[in-house]
């Protein structure tokens, strides 16, 4: 099984050996013949224990093979463990592996053992797994030898899980306040953004005929670019109430991004980015964004200035309950603005929630009734 890292713990064995040698010296000095028997017994037990472990460790070891280096929160990470004993088999052997949880005692009569384990992680982030180790001991429990598998620590990335959006009773559309809008895949411009004087070459389908009938002249409909019209999900992880609130905000962000992307596309703005990342129904580019969400901390601020020029629906996800509604959200020209707060962070705005997702609640705000978050 390759070179192994070994660590021996012979503290108890050395204590028994030292006691035997002390009795032997006392027997020689004081000519106390009754002390010879326990002295020899203690020395023999210590030597037998050391020899037992040394012989049993010849060729023994453990290896682990992980099926994949990424797993979603709560989903099983599968691994195969292979254990091989020495000349004495697996007598007195214990398998230690972080995926097992508690150490597992191996059957004494076996020479090899194969295990298939499944582990789950409750939180996102990177997990460094210590190598598998086979701990060998003697029948007296005096000496133990830990044999670790060769190679560096294994690294597993735990991704935030995706949860469904639950629409509040009486809510309409898709429950996110964007009305279940679906964009046409080939259209470059999809939403009305006012009127302007007609430009040469404008298609007749864009002429605003009611304005012409009122005597306002030829005006054309000005349309929003699709990138500005699609829903925008923004995550602000700063100053979380606790780790649970931060993780809930990250899960809600990921869940909303997938929910909206599959319903026509959206954009996702993460902390540190100057421009939102587009997501289409095929989820191109989602893998990299999912990894970033898994490793996201609470130190970096998002580029909230992006909201000032956004006319499409805006969903701002916070990891805390603010004293008042963020100014960047209220000053956005978007007609649909949703504030998403973790339930664990405290109460949200005093208005009926629009939806819940991943332990967070979304509240739709209106310009006419700007309320401070409680």
Protein backbone atom coordinates (compact mmCIF):
# COMPACT_ATOMS: atom_id res chain seq x y z
CA UNK A 1 0.00 0.00 0.00
CA UNK A 2 2.95 2.32 -0.46
CA UNK A 3 4.87 4.22 2.18
CA UNK A 4 2.90 4.89 5.34
CA UNK A 5 3.10 7.42 8.12
CA UNK A 6 3.32 5.63 11.45
CA UNK A 7 2.90 6.91 14.98
CA UNK A 8 3.39 4.69 18.00
CA UNK A 9 1.95 5.19 21.46
CA UNK A 10 3.80 2.99 23.93
CA UNK A 11 3.29 5.04 27.08
CA UNK A 12 1.48 2.32 28.99
CA UNK A 13 3.90 -0.34 27.75
CA UNK A 14 6.90 1.69 28.86
CA UNK A 15 5.28 2.15 32.25
CA UNK A 16 4.83 -1.62 32.68
CA UNK A 17 8.40 -2.23 31.45
CA UNK A 18 9.74 0.38 33.86
CA UNK A 19 7.83 -1.20 36.74
CA UNK A 20 9.24 -4.62 35.89
CA UNK A 21 12.79 -3.30 35.71
CA UNK A 22 12.34 -1.46 39.02
CA UNK A 23 11.17 -4.65 40.70
CA UNK A 24 14.09 -6.52 39.19
CA UNK A 25 16.58 -3.96 40.54
CA UNK A 26 14.93 -4.10 43.96
CA UNK A 27 15.14 -7.88 43.95
CA UNK A 28 18.86 -7.75 43.14
CA UNK A 29 19.68 -5.00 45.63
CA UNK A 30 17.71 -6.39 48.57
CA UNK A 31 18.07 -10.05 47.62
CA UNK A 32 14.27 -10.33 47.63
CA UNK A 33 13.58 -13.50 45.69
CA UNK A 34 9.73 -13.08 45.70
CA UNK A 35 10.13 -9.95 43.57
CA UNK A 36 11.75 -11.82 40.69
CA UNK A 37 8.50 -13.42 39.52
CA UNK A 38 6.44 -10.20 39.10
CA UNK A 39 9.50 -8.39 37.73
CA UNK A 40 9.99 -10.94 34.97
CA UNK A 41 6.23 -11.06 34.31
CA UNK A 42 5.97 -7.28 33.85
CA UNK A 43 9.00 -7.15 31.57
CA UNK A 44 7.71 -10.10 29.52
CA UNK A 45 4.24 -8.55 29.13
CA UNK A 46 5.70 -5.26 27.87
CA UNK A 47 7.98 -7.01 25.39
CA UNK A 48 5.20 -9.30 24.15
CA UNK A 49 2.90 -6.32 23.61
CA UNK A 50 5.54 -4.47 21.59
CA UNK A 51 6.34 -7.56 19.53
CA UNK A 52 2.64 -8.23 18.89
CA UNK A 53 2.11 -4.78 17.43
CA UNK A 54 5.37 -4.82 15.44
CA UNK A 55 4.54 -8.14 13.80
CA UNK A 56 0.90 -7.20 13.19
CA UNK A 57 1.90 -3.97 11.44
CA UNK A 58 3.93 -5.73 8.72
CA UNK A 59 2.06 -5.09 5.48
CA UNK A 60 -1.00 -3.67 7.25
CA UNK A 61 -2.69 -0.43 6.22
CA UNK A 62 -5.83 1.29 5.00
CA UNK A 63 -6.78 3.22 1.86
CA UNK A 64 -9.74 5.34 0.88
CA UNK A 65 -11.21 6.12 -2.53
CA UNK A 66 -13.74 8.96 -2.75
CA UNK A 67 -16.31 9.02 -5.55
CA UNK A 68 -16.14 12.66 -6.60
CA UNK A 69 -14.69 15.78 -5.05
CA UNK A 70 -17.90 17.82 -4.94
CA UNK A 71 -21.14 17.16 -3.13
CA UNK A 72 -24.25 19.20 -2.37
CA UNK A 73 -25.25 19.89 1.24
CA UNK A 74 -27.20 16.98 2.66
CA UNK A 75 -26.48 14.66 -0.25
CA UNK A 76 -24.37 11.53 0.29
CA UNK A 77 -20.67 11.45 -0.47
CA UNK A 78 -19.76 7.85 -1.30
CA UNK A 79 -16.36 6.33 -0.56
CA UNK A 80 -14.73 2.90 -0.54
CA UNK A 81 -12.37 1.87 2.26
CA UNK A 82 -9.92 -1.02 1.89
CA UNK A 83 -8.12 -2.48 4.89
CA UNK A 84 -5.41 -5.14 4.91
CA UNK A 85 -4.02 -6.76 8.00
CA UNK A 86 -0.53 -8.11 8.68
CA UNK A 87 0.53 -11.67 9.64
CA UNK A 88 -1.79 -11.57 12.66
CA UNK A 89 -4.76 -10.38 10.60
CA UNK A 90 -6.97 -7.63 11.95
CA UNK A 91 -6.93 -8.80 15.57
CA UNK A 92 -7.06 -5.73 17.80
CA UNK A 93 -7.32 -3.38 14.78
CA UNK A 94 -9.50 -0.27 14.55
CA UNK A 95 -10.25 1.74 11.41
CA UNK A 96 -10.28 5.53 11.79
CA UNK A 97 -11.65 7.72 9.01
CA UNK A 98 -13.43 11.11 9.12
CA UNK A 99 -16.18 9.74 6.86
CA UNK A 100 -16.98 6.99 9.37
CA UNK A 101 -17.64 9.33 12.25
CA UNK A 102 -16.70 7.05 15.15
CA UNK A 103 -13.76 4.59 14.90
CA UNK A 104 -14.83 1.13 13.75
CA UNK A 105 -13.47 -2.04 15.33
CA UNK A 106 -12.63 -4.65 12.70
CA UNK A 107 -13.35 -8.40 12.98
CA UNK A 108 -10.44 -10.22 14.56
CA UNK A 109 -10.58 -13.26 12.29
CA UNK A 110 -10.35 -11.35 8.99
CA UNK A 111 -7.23 -10.61 6.98
CA UNK A 112 -8.82 -7.99 4.72
CA UNK A 113 -11.93 -5.81 4.94
CA UNK A 114 -13.76 -3.69 2.36
CA UNK A 115 -16.25 -1.05 3.42
CA UNK A 116 -18.55 1.26 1.47
CA UNK A 117 -19.47 4.35 3.44
CA UNK A 118 -21.78 7.30 2.86
CA UNK A 119 -21.22 10.65 4.58
CA UNK A 120 -23.27 13.85 4.52
CA UNK A 121 -22.26 17.43 5.22
CA UNK A 122 -24.73 19.93 6.67
CA UNK A 123 -22.79 23.09 5.72
CA UNK A 124 -21.24 24.40 2.54
CA UNK A 125 -17.51 25.00 2.18
CA UNK A 126 -14.29 23.11 1.65
CA UNK A 127 -13.62 20.05 3.82
CA UNK A 128 -10.11 18.66 4.24
CA UNK A 129 -10.33 14.97 5.12
CA UNK A 130 -7.50 13.37 7.03
CA UNK A 131 -6.16 10.13 5.50
CA UNK A 132 -7.60 6.80 6.61
CA UNK A 133 -5.69 5.23 9.47
CA UNK A 134 -5.44 1.70 10.83
CA UNK A 135 -4.79 1.59 14.57
CA UNK A 136 -3.21 -1.67 15.79
CA UNK A 137 -3.09 -2.68 19.42
CA UNK A 138 -1.97 -5.59 21.58
CA UNK A 139 -4.31 -7.76 23.71
CA UNK A 140 -3.21 -5.96 26.88
CA UNK A 141 -3.87 -2.45 25.54
CA UNK A 142 -0.32 -1.30 26.31
CA UNK A 143 1.00 -0.38 22.84
CA UNK A 144 -0.81 1.09 19.81
CA UNK A 145 0.52 1.86 16.35
CA UNK A 146 -1.31 4.19 13.97
CA UNK A 147 -0.66 3.57 10.28
CA UNK A 148 -1.95 6.32 7.98
CA UNK A 149 -2.53 5.86 4.29
CA UNK A 150 0.04 7.51 1.99
CA UNK A 151 -0.69 10.75 0.17
CA UNK A 152 -1.99 14.20 1.11
CA UNK A 153 -5.33 15.03 2.71
CA UNK A 154 -8.33 14.74 0.46
CA UNK A 155 -10.31 17.91 -0.23
CA UNK A 156 -14.08 17.89 -0.78
CA UNK A 157 -16.12 20.92 -1.80
CA UNK A 158 -19.62 21.08 -0.29
CA UNK A 159 -21.97 23.11 -2.52
CA UNK A 160 -25.05 24.96 -1.23
CA UNK A 161 -28.21 22.99 -1.88
CA UNK A 162 -31.01 24.18 -4.14
CA UNK A 163 -34.46 24.36 -2.54
CA UNK A 164 -37.87 25.06 -4.08
CA UNK A 165 -39.57 28.45 -3.94
CA UNK A 166 -42.82 28.27 -1.96
CA UNK A 167 -45.37 30.87 -3.01
CA UNK A 168 -47.28 32.61 -0.23
CA UNK A 169 -51.03 32.07 -0.20
CA UNK A 170 -52.65 34.48 -2.58
CA UNK A 171 -49.42 35.14 -4.45
CA UNK A 172 -49.41 35.23 -8.22
CA UNK A 173 -47.00 34.47 -11.04
CA UNK A 174 -44.05 32.33 -10.06
CA UNK A 175 -44.00 33.62 -6.50
CA UNK A 176 -40.94 35.82 -6.82
CA UNK A 177 -42.74 38.99 -7.78
CA UNK A 178 -41.57 38.90 -11.40
CA UNK A 179 -44.81 37.44 -12.64
CA UNK A 180 -43.39 34.32 -14.20
CA UNK A 181 -41.98 36.35 -17.11
CA UNK A 182 -40.38 34.34 -19.87
CA UNK A 183 -38.15 35.99 -22.40
CA UNK A 184 -38.01 34.89 -26.00
CA UNK A 185 -34.74 33.21 -26.69
CA UNK A 186 -33.98 35.13 -29.85
CA UNK A 187 -35.14 38.61 -28.91
CA UNK A 188 -32.53 41.22 -28.14
CA UNK A 189 -35.09 43.64 -26.69
CA UNK A 190 -38.22 42.55 -24.85
CA UNK A 191 -39.72 45.16 -22.50
CA UNK A 192 -41.14 48.64 -22.99
CA UNK A 193 -39.02 51.49 -21.64
CA UNK A 194 -41.02 54.54 -22.82
CA UNK A 195 -41.30 56.44 -26.10
CA UNK A 196 -38.87 58.41 -28.23
CA UNK A 197 -38.97 60.16 -31.64
CA UNK A 198 -39.00 57.65 -34.42
CA UNK A 199 -35.60 56.94 -35.92
CA UNK A 200 -35.04 56.30 -39.65
CA UNK A 201 -35.44 52.65 -40.49
CA UNK A 202 -37.65 51.86 -37.50
CA UNK A 203 -39.97 48.89 -38.03
CA UNK A 204 -43.65 49.76 -38.31
CA UNK A 205 -44.38 47.30 -35.48
CA UNK A 206 -42.59 49.66 -33.07
CA UNK A 207 -44.47 52.82 -34.04
CA UNK A 208 -46.73 54.07 -31.23
CA UNK A 209 -49.94 54.65 -33.21
CA UNK A 210 -52.00 56.08 -30.27
CA UNK A 211 -49.48 58.95 -29.97
CA UNK A 212 -49.80 59.64 -33.68
CA UNK A 213 -53.58 59.68 -33.37
CA UNK A 214 -53.32 62.28 -30.58
CA UNK A 215 -51.24 64.52 -32.83
CA UNK A 216 -47.93 63.90 -31.03
CA UNK A 217 -46.20 62.90 -34.24
CA UNK A 218 -44.36 59.71 -35.05
CA UNK A 219 -43.01 58.10 -31.89
CA UNK A 220 -41.48 54.66 -31.48
CA UNK A 221 -41.51 52.35 -28.53
CA UNK A 222 -38.17 52.27 -26.76
CA UNK A 223 -37.42 48.79 -25.54
CA UNK A 224 -35.14 47.55 -22.80
CA UNK A 225 -32.17 45.38 -23.71
CA UNK A 226 -32.80 41.82 -22.57
CA UNK A 227 -29.81 41.95 -20.19
CA UNK A 228 -31.43 44.83 -18.29
CA UNK A 229 -34.94 43.38 -18.39
CA UNK A 230 -34.25 39.92 -16.96
CA UNK A 231 -34.53 39.49 -13.16
CA UNK A 232 -31.40 40.28 -11.16
CA UNK A 233 -30.52 38.38 -7.98
CA UNK A 234 -28.04 40.21 -5.72
CA UNK A 235 -26.41 38.74 -2.61
CA UNK A 236 -25.16 40.94 0.24
CA UNK A 237 -23.53 38.61 2.83
CA UNK A 238 -22.11 41.32 5.10
CA UNK A 239 -22.72 41.39 8.87
CA UNK A 240 -24.72 38.14 9.12
CA UNK A 241 -26.68 37.49 12.28
CA UNK A 242 -24.84 34.17 12.58
CA UNK A 243 -23.45 31.41 10.38
CA UNK A 244 -26.91 29.89 9.95
CA UNK A 245 -28.24 33.18 8.57
CA UNK A 246 -25.33 33.48 6.14
CA UNK A 247 -25.78 29.92 4.90
CA UNK A 248 -29.52 30.47 4.51
CA UNK A 249 -28.91 33.60 2.43
CA UNK A 250 -26.46 31.73 0.20
CA UNK A 251 -28.92 28.84 -0.29
CA UNK A 252 -31.72 31.29 -1.07
CA UNK A 253 -29.55 33.08 -3.63
CA UNK A 254 -28.65 29.85 -5.38
CA UNK A 255 -32.25 28.62 -5.29
CA UNK A 256 -33.68 31.87 -6.67
CA UNK A 257 -31.07 31.98 -9.44
CA UNK A 258 -31.95 28.47 -10.59
CA UNK A 259 -35.69 29.12 -10.19
CA UNK A 260 -35.60 32.24 -12.36
CA UNK A 261 -33.07 30.93 -14.88
CA UNK A 262 -35.32 27.99 -15.69
CA UNK A 263 -38.22 30.40 -16.23
CA UNK A 264 -36.65 32.49 -18.93
CA UNK A 265 -33.26 33.55 -17.61
CA UNK A 266 -31.87 35.89 -14.97
CA UNK A 267 -28.63 37.51 -13.83
CA UNK A 268 -26.67 36.91 -10.62
CA UNK A 269 -24.50 39.54 -8.93
CA UNK A 270 -22.10 38.15 -6.33
CA UNK A 271 -19.85 40.12 -3.94
CA UNK A 272 -16.70 41.33 -5.64
CA UNK A 273 -18.24 41.40 -9.13
CA UNK A 274 -18.75 44.65 -11.03
CA UNK A 275 -21.16 43.13 -13.53
CA UNK A 276 -23.88 40.51 -13.11
CA UNK A 277 -23.34 37.06 -14.56
CA UNK A 278 -26.15 36.01 -16.94
CA UNK A 279 -27.90 32.66 -16.51
CA UNK A 280 -30.06 31.11 -19.20
CA UNK A 281 -32.45 28.20 -19.04
CA UNK A 282 -29.62 25.78 -19.89
CA UNK A 283 -27.66 27.10 -16.86
CA UNK A 284 -24.51 27.86 -18.81
CA UNK A 285 -21.84 29.10 -16.38
CA UNK A 286 -23.73 27.93 -13.29
CA UNK A 287 -21.03 25.47 -12.19
CA UNK A 288 -18.49 28.24 -11.56
CA UNK A 289 -21.08 30.39 -9.77
CA UNK A 290 -22.12 27.45 -7.58
CA UNK A 291 -18.49 26.92 -6.52
CA UNK A 292 -18.13 30.60 -5.65
CA UNK A 293 -21.27 30.46 -3.51
CA UNK A 294 -19.85 27.44 -1.68
CA UNK A 295 -16.70 29.37 -0.70
CA UNK A 296 -18.30 32.77 -0.13
CA UNK A 297 -17.51 34.60 3.10
CA UNK A 298 -19.08 37.64 4.70
CA UNK A 299 -16.30 40.15 4.13
CA UNK A 300 -16.79 41.35 0.55
CA UNK A 301 -19.51 43.86 -0.37
CA UNK A 302 -21.58 43.55 -3.54
CA UNK A 303 -21.67 46.24 -6.21
CA UNK A 304 -25.04 47.74 -5.27
CA UNK A 305 -24.50 50.66 -7.64
CA UNK A 306 -25.57 48.25 -10.38
CA UNK A 307 -29.15 48.53 -9.09
CA UNK A 308 -29.39 52.22 -10.03
CA UNK A 309 -29.57 51.42 -13.73
CA UNK A 310 -31.60 48.23 -13.52
CA UNK A 311 -35.17 48.36 -14.78
CA UNK A 312 -35.89 44.64 -14.65
CA UNK A 313 -37.01 42.89 -11.43
CA UNK A 314 -34.43 43.09 -8.62
CA UNK A 315 -34.17 40.58 -5.76
CA UNK A 316 -31.76 41.64 -3.01
CA UNK A 317 -30.80 38.85 -0.58
CA UNK A 318 -29.36 39.92 2.78
CA UNK A 319 -27.77 37.82 5.52
CA UNK A 320 -29.18 40.13 8.20
CA UNK A 321 -32.25 42.19 9.02
CA UNK A 322 -31.33 45.85 8.35
CA UNK A 323 -32.57 48.82 10.36
CA UNK A 324 -34.25 50.14 7.23
CA UNK A 325 -34.74 49.04 3.67
CA UNK A 326 -31.44 49.44 1.75
CA UNK A 327 -31.37 52.74 -0.09
CA UNK A 328 -29.86 51.14 -3.19
CA UNK A 329 -32.91 48.90 -3.52
CA UNK A 330 -35.48 51.65 -2.92
CA UNK A 331 -33.80 54.02 -5.38
CA UNK A 332 -33.71 51.41 -8.13
CA UNK A 333 -35.93 52.33 -11.11
CA UNK A 334 -37.18 48.76 -11.25
CA UNK A 335 -40.94 48.36 -10.94
CA UNK A 336 -40.48 45.06 -9.05
CA UNK A 337 -38.16 45.08 -6.04
CA UNK A 338 -37.98 42.19 -3.58
CA UNK A 339 -36.08 42.11 -0.29
CA UNK A 340 -35.14 38.58 0.83
CA UNK A 341 -34.18 38.05 4.49
CA UNK A 342 -33.19 34.94 6.51
CA UNK A 343 -35.90 33.90 8.94
CA UNK A 344 -33.24 33.25 11.59
CA UNK A 345 -32.01 36.86 11.37
CA UNK A 346 -35.19 38.32 12.86
CA UNK A 347 -38.48 39.74 11.60
CA UNK A 348 -38.73 41.30 8.17
CA UNK A 349 -40.77 44.27 6.94
CA UNK A 350 -44.27 44.53 8.40
CA UNK A 351 -46.01 43.36 5.27
CA UNK A 352 -47.24 40.06 3.90
CA UNK A 353 -44.45 37.87 2.49
CA UNK A 354 -44.47 37.00 -1.21
CA UNK A 355 -42.57 33.71 -1.00
CA UNK A 356 -40.25 31.60 1.13
CA UNK A 357 -37.15 29.73 0.03
CA UNK A 358 -34.31 27.96 1.86
CA UNK A 359 -35.15 29.42 5.27
CA UNK A 360 -35.59 32.94 3.88
CA UNK A 361 -38.63 35.08 3.15
CA UNK A 362 -39.12 37.46 0.23
CA UNK A 363 -41.01 40.74 0.65
CA UNK A 364 -42.07 42.76 -2.40
CA UNK A 365 -41.56 46.49 -1.93
CA UNK A 366 -43.33 49.32 -3.70
CA UNK A 367 -42.14 52.87 -4.28
CA UNK A 368 -45.37 54.26 -2.92
CA UNK A 369 -45.08 52.34 0.35
CA UNK A 370 -41.38 52.25 1.19
CA UNK A 371 -41.18 50.74 4.62
CA UNK A 372 -38.27 50.30 6.96
CA UNK A 373 -37.36 46.74 7.82
CA UNK A 374 -38.24 46.06 11.43
